[in-house]
Amino acid sequence: VRRIREEIWNKIQELEKKGEIAEDEKFVGKDKIQKIVDEYNSKIKEAREKKEKEVMTV
């Protein structure tokens, strides 16, 4: 998840350097990326906790 976030952030920075997006758009993109990352980290944590419970009950 972190690697993908970094790849997307690098692409956004490239677009801003090329003048294809404004600086404000760059930071809006960064915020959106972080929200998605947080959502998936939460899902991963829930899945891990569920699996831990399954393993402990066996």
Protein backbone atom coordinates (compact mmCIF):
# COMPACT_ATOMS: atom_id res chain seq x y z
CA VAL A 1 0.00 0.00 0.00
CA ARG A 2 2.81 2.41 0.88
CA ARG A 3 4.69 1.69 -2.33
CA ILE A 4 1.60 2.37 -4.41
CA ARG A 5 0.96 5.59 -2.49
CA GLU A 6 4.52 6.72 -3.22
CA GLU A 7 4.18 5.89 -6.92
CA ILE A 8 0.96 7.88 -7.22
CA TRP A 9 2.40 10.81 -5.26
CA ASN A 10 5.44 10.87 -7.56
CA LYS A 11 3.15 10.93 -10.62
CA ILE A 12 1.15 13.81 -9.14
CA GLN A 13 4.36 15.75 -8.47
CA GLU A 14 5.49 15.15 -12.05
CA LEU A 15 2.19 16.49 -13.37
CA GLU A 16 2.58 19.62 -11.26
CA LYS A 17 6.16 20.16 -12.46
CA LYS A 18 5.00 19.84 -16.07
CA GLY A 19 2.31 22.43 -15.41
CA GLU A 20 -0.51 19.98 -16.09
CA ILE A 21 -2.03 20.53 -12.65
CA ALA A 22 -1.89 23.41 -10.18
CA GLU A 23 -0.17 23.24 -6.81
CA ASP A 24 -3.57 23.24 -5.07
CA GLU A 25 -4.65 20.24 -7.13
CA LYS A 26 -1.45 18.46 -6.14
CA PHE A 27 -2.31 18.77 -2.46
CA VAL A 28 -5.94 17.81 -3.04
CA GLY A 29 -4.63 14.69 -4.75
CA LYS A 30 -2.33 13.99 -1.83
CA ASP A 31 -5.25 14.25 0.61
CA LYS A 32 -7.36 11.90 -1.52
CA ILE A 33 -4.53 9.38 -1.70
CA GLN A 34 -4.11 9.48 2.08
CA LYS A 35 -7.84 8.92 2.66
CA ILE A 36 -7.78 5.86 0.40
CA VAL A 37 -4.63 4.54 2.09
CA ASP A 38 -6.19 5.01 5.53
CA GLU A 39 -9.33 3.17 4.38
CA TYR A 40 -7.36 0.20 3.07
CA ASN A 41 -5.09 0.10 6.11
CA SER A 42 -8.22 -0.13 8.25
CA LYS A 43 -9.56 -2.99 6.12
CA ILE A 44 -6.23 -4.79 6.35
CA LYS A 45 -6.18 -4.36 10.12
CA GLU A 46 -9.73 -5.74 10.42
CA ALA A 47 -8.86 -8.74 8.26
CA ARG A 48 -5.73 -9.42 10.30
CA GLU A 49 -7.64 -9.23 13.59
CA LYS A 50 -10.33 -11.55 12.23
CA LYS A 51 -7.69 -14.05 11.10
CA GLU A 52 -5.94 -13.88 14.47
CA LYS A 53 -9.24 -14.75 16.19
CA GLU A 54 -9.79 -17.65 13.79
CA VAL A 55 -6.31 -19.02 14.46
CA MET A 56 -6.69 -18.70 18.22
CA THR A 57 -10.00 -20.60 18.23
CA VAL A 58 -8.61 -23.56 16.31
